[in-house]
C-alpha cells in the first residue's frame, strides 16, 4: 500500500546499496572515471575514499554492473577491515566460494583462478571495500603479492575504498609509489538534494528521465531543504530520513511530503541511530 500510494515499483530509499539508484554528480563522474581506469588497465591501484555514507560502496557496485561479464571477472570483497582470516583467504572465498587453510593455499587458488580468467579472455578486477586506515603488515604483504601478480603482461585491477585512509600517513613507500590516484566522495551540496530525491523516486517508479510524474516530486521544496539541512548532504542520512518521511506522509494520506512529516521523521531517528549512521 505504501508503494502504491506513491506510485512506486520498489522502495526508493533502502539502506542496502543498489547501483540502479546511482546519482551522478561531477565528483561521482570523476571518481567513476578513476576507478574505471584502474579496472581496465590493471597493475596500479586506485583509492576511493570519503566520509561514511557518501556512496563509495554504491559506486563500486555501479562499476561492477557496468563492466561486461565476458571481458571482466569482478570480485567484490565487502568489509575488508573486519576480516580476521587474512586478505587472500577472504578474496578466494568471494572469488571461488572456497575456504582455504592458509595464505599459501590462497595464493595457489588465486593463481588458478587468475589463469582461468586469462584463458577465457577476462581481466580480473578486485574491489576491496572498507579498506582499513592502518592495514597490518600481513594484509599489506598480501596486497603487494596481488599487485605483482602478472599473467603474460596482464595485471589485476585493484580498487580500494575506505573512510579514514590517509595514504601519506599510513601507507608504506612501495604502495604510495604504486598508487595511480586517489578519488574522493563527499556530501552532496544542499542544492543537489532535491534532484537526488527526485532521481531515486523516478528510478523506484521505473520512469524515464524525461517523464513527468507526481511521484517523482513527492517532496515539497521546503521538505527537501529541511532534509538537506538535517543530513548535511550525506546520502545515507538523506535516505534514512526520506524513507521515514514517506511513511509518515503515507499514514497521513498526504499527497506530498511536507516539512512537518520530515520533522516527525527526524524526531523518530534517535541520537543513537544518527551517530551509528554517521560512523
Foldseek 3Di string as FASTA:
>chain_A
DLCVLLLFQDQLQDLDQDLLLDDDDPLLVVVLVVLLCLQVQPLFEEEEEEFFQQQPVNSVVNVVVVDDPLAADEFEQEPPVPDPQADLQSSLCRRPVDHDDHPVVSVVSVVVSCVVCVVSNYAYEYEYEADDQADDPRNVVVVVVQSPDADPNGHYRYYYYHYNHDCVPHPDPVNVVRHPYYRYGYFDDLVCQLVSQLSSQCSRSVHPPVDDDLSSNQEDPQLSNVLCVVVVRRSSSSSQLVSQLSVQCVVVSHSHRYNVSSVVSVVPCDPVNVVVSRD
